[in-house]
């Protein structure tokens, strides 16, 4: 129960931040108190996101940045969780995206259950679709 309250509070705070950010001129004091939006990704994470959005694969990004693929995966996953745009076409083949969404629509929520349904999917691919589906449900009030 405490975890649920924590997530609800975090969600409410995020919503408040969006309202303040969208109405900066009408809420000057609150905006100044808040300080404005901050990019939650470190510089390397931002670079990983930029490169994937330009069409580079995780392997290409890792090689270019001299990082492990798992590090690049973490950057991209964090960006998706924070609501930043991620080029899913580069990371998810069309058929796999559809299969992962179908697993979600069938009621599968746990990463392991989804991956059992779509065994070729990587952890990152499953997480990206989970984030996408949760965001769609929140937008529709589900």
Protein backbone atom coordinates (compact mmCIF):
# COMPACT_ATOMS: atom_id res chain seq x y z
CA UNK A 1 0.00 0.00 0.00
CA UNK A 2 2.84 2.40 0.85
CA UNK A 3 4.40 1.83 -2.58
CA UNK A 4 1.10 2.63 -4.29
CA UNK A 5 0.80 5.90 -2.35
CA UNK A 6 4.37 6.74 -3.26
CA UNK A 7 3.69 6.19 -6.97
CA UNK A 8 0.46 8.19 -6.78
CA UNK A 9 2.30 11.06 -5.09
CA UNK A 10 5.06 10.96 -7.69
CA UNK A 11 2.47 10.95 -10.47
CA UNK A 12 0.62 13.89 -8.89
CA UNK A 13 3.85 15.85 -8.53
CA UNK A 14 4.68 15.18 -12.16
CA UNK A 15 1.24 16.37 -13.20
CA UNK A 16 1.65 19.53 -11.14
CA UNK A 17 5.03 20.19 -12.74
CA UNK A 18 3.46 19.86 -16.21
CA UNK A 19 0.69 22.33 -15.31
CA UNK A 20 3.18 24.83 -13.89
CA UNK A 21 5.45 24.41 -16.91
CA UNK A 22 2.58 24.88 -19.34
CA UNK A 23 1.38 28.04 -17.53
CA UNK A 24 4.68 29.64 -16.54
CA UNK A 25 3.45 33.22 -17.13
CA UNK A 26 0.34 32.69 -15.00
CA UNK A 27 2.21 30.87 -12.23
CA UNK A 28 5.42 32.86 -12.02
CA UNK A 29 6.01 32.35 -8.31
CA UNK A 30 5.44 28.58 -8.50
CA UNK A 31 7.64 28.34 -11.59
CA UNK A 32 10.45 30.20 -9.82
CA UNK A 33 10.06 28.02 -6.74
CA UNK A 34 10.12 24.88 -8.88
CA UNK A 35 12.98 26.07 -11.07
CA UNK A 36 11.65 24.66 -14.33
CA UNK A 37 12.10 21.36 -16.10
CA UNK A 38 15.39 19.54 -15.81
CA UNK A 39 16.68 16.96 -18.25
CA UNK A 40 16.90 13.82 -16.08
CA UNK A 41 19.42 12.15 -18.38
CA UNK A 42 23.15 12.62 -17.92
CA UNK A 43 25.04 13.97 -20.93
CA UNK A 44 25.95 10.48 -22.18
CA UNK A 45 22.34 9.38 -21.83
CA UNK A 46 21.20 12.38 -23.83
CA UNK A 47 23.76 11.55 -26.52
CA UNK A 48 22.54 7.93 -26.66
CA UNK A 49 18.97 9.16 -27.08
CA UNK A 50 19.95 11.61 -29.82
CA UNK A 51 21.79 8.90 -31.74
CA UNK A 52 18.97 6.34 -31.50
CA UNK A 53 16.53 9.01 -32.63
CA UNK A 54 18.80 9.62 -35.64
CA UNK A 55 18.44 5.95 -36.56
CA UNK A 56 21.53 4.33 -35.05
CA UNK A 57 21.27 0.91 -33.44
CA UNK A 58 22.25 0.25 -29.84
CA UNK A 59 25.35 -1.63 -31.03
CA UNK A 60 26.41 1.29 -33.24
CA UNK A 61 25.87 3.77 -30.44
CA UNK A 62 27.82 1.64 -27.97
CA UNK A 63 30.73 1.35 -30.40
CA UNK A 64 30.73 5.07 -31.20
CA UNK A 65 30.53 6.13 -27.55
CA UNK A 66 32.88 3.38 -26.34
CA UNK A 67 30.31 2.10 -23.89
CA UNK A 68 28.70 -1.26 -23.25
CA UNK A 69 25.43 -1.98 -25.03
CA UNK A 70 23.83 -2.47 -21.60
CA UNK A 71 24.76 1.12 -20.71
CA UNK A 72 23.16 2.44 -23.88
CA UNK A 73 20.09 0.30 -23.15
CA UNK A 74 19.84 1.87 -19.70
CA UNK A 75 20.05 5.37 -21.21
CA UNK A 76 17.26 4.61 -23.68
CA UNK A 77 15.07 2.91 -21.09
CA UNK A 78 15.47 5.88 -18.72
CA UNK A 79 14.56 8.29 -21.53
CA UNK A 80 11.40 6.33 -22.30
CA UNK A 81 10.39 6.18 -18.64
CA UNK A 82 10.91 9.93 -18.33
CA UNK A 83 8.59 10.45 -21.29
CA UNK A 84 11.21 11.54 -23.78
CA UNK A 85 10.62 10.58 -27.41
CA UNK A 86 12.42 7.38 -28.41
CA UNK A 87 12.60 6.17 -32.01
CA UNK A 88 10.95 2.76 -31.58
CA UNK A 89 11.25 1.95 -35.28
CA UNK A 90 15.02 1.58 -34.86
CA UNK A 91 14.72 -0.59 -31.76
CA UNK A 92 11.65 -2.71 -32.53
CA UNK A 93 11.04 -4.58 -35.75
CA UNK A 94 7.41 -4.07 -36.83
CA UNK A 95 6.35 -7.66 -36.22
CA UNK A 96 7.96 -7.72 -32.80
CA UNK A 97 6.30 -4.49 -31.76
CA UNK A 98 2.92 -5.91 -32.71
CA UNK A 99 3.60 -9.17 -30.87
CA UNK A 100 4.68 -7.33 -27.71
CA UNK A 101 1.61 -5.09 -27.79
CA UNK A 102 -0.57 -8.16 -28.32
CA UNK A 103 0.99 -9.79 -25.25
CA UNK A 104 0.22 -6.66 -23.24
CA UNK A 105 -3.33 -6.55 -24.59
CA UNK A 106 -3.72 -10.22 -23.56
CA UNK A 107 -3.13 -9.14 -19.97
CA UNK A 108 0.53 -10.00 -19.61
CA UNK A 109 2.30 -7.38 -17.49
CA UNK A 110 5.38 -9.04 -16.02
CA UNK A 111 8.52 -8.81 -18.16
CA UNK A 112 9.14 -12.56 -17.91
CA UNK A 113 5.61 -13.42 -19.05
CA UNK A 114 5.84 -11.08 -22.02
CA UNK A 115 9.25 -12.38 -23.01
CA UNK A 116 7.99 -15.97 -22.77
CA UNK A 117 5.31 -15.00 -25.30
CA UNK A 118 7.85 -13.17 -27.54
CA UNK A 119 11.16 -14.96 -26.86
CA UNK A 120 13.18 -13.01 -29.44
CA UNK A 121 12.50 -9.73 -27.62
CA UNK A 122 15.27 -8.25 -25.50
CA UNK A 123 14.73 -6.79 -22.06
CA UNK A 124 14.93 -3.27 -23.55
CA UNK A 125 12.38 -4.06 -26.24
CA UNK A 126 9.92 -5.45 -23.70
CA UNK A 127 10.41 -2.46 -21.38
CA UNK A 128 9.92 0.07 -24.18
CA UNK A 129 6.60 -1.50 -25.12
CA UNK A 130 5.54 -1.73 -21.48
CA UNK A 131 6.23 2.00 -21.07
CA UNK A 132 4.41 2.78 -24.32
CA UNK A 133 1.35 0.75 -23.30
CA UNK A 134 1.21 2.23 -19.80
CA UNK A 135 1.40 5.74 -21.25
CA UNK A 136 -1.45 4.98 -23.66
CA UNK A 137 -3.57 3.59 -20.84
CA UNK A 138 -2.89 6.66 -18.70
CA UNK A 139 -3.80 8.96 -21.58
CA UNK A 140 -7.13 7.15 -21.96
CA UNK A 141 -7.77 7.03 -18.21
CA UNK A 142 -7.66 3.23 -18.05
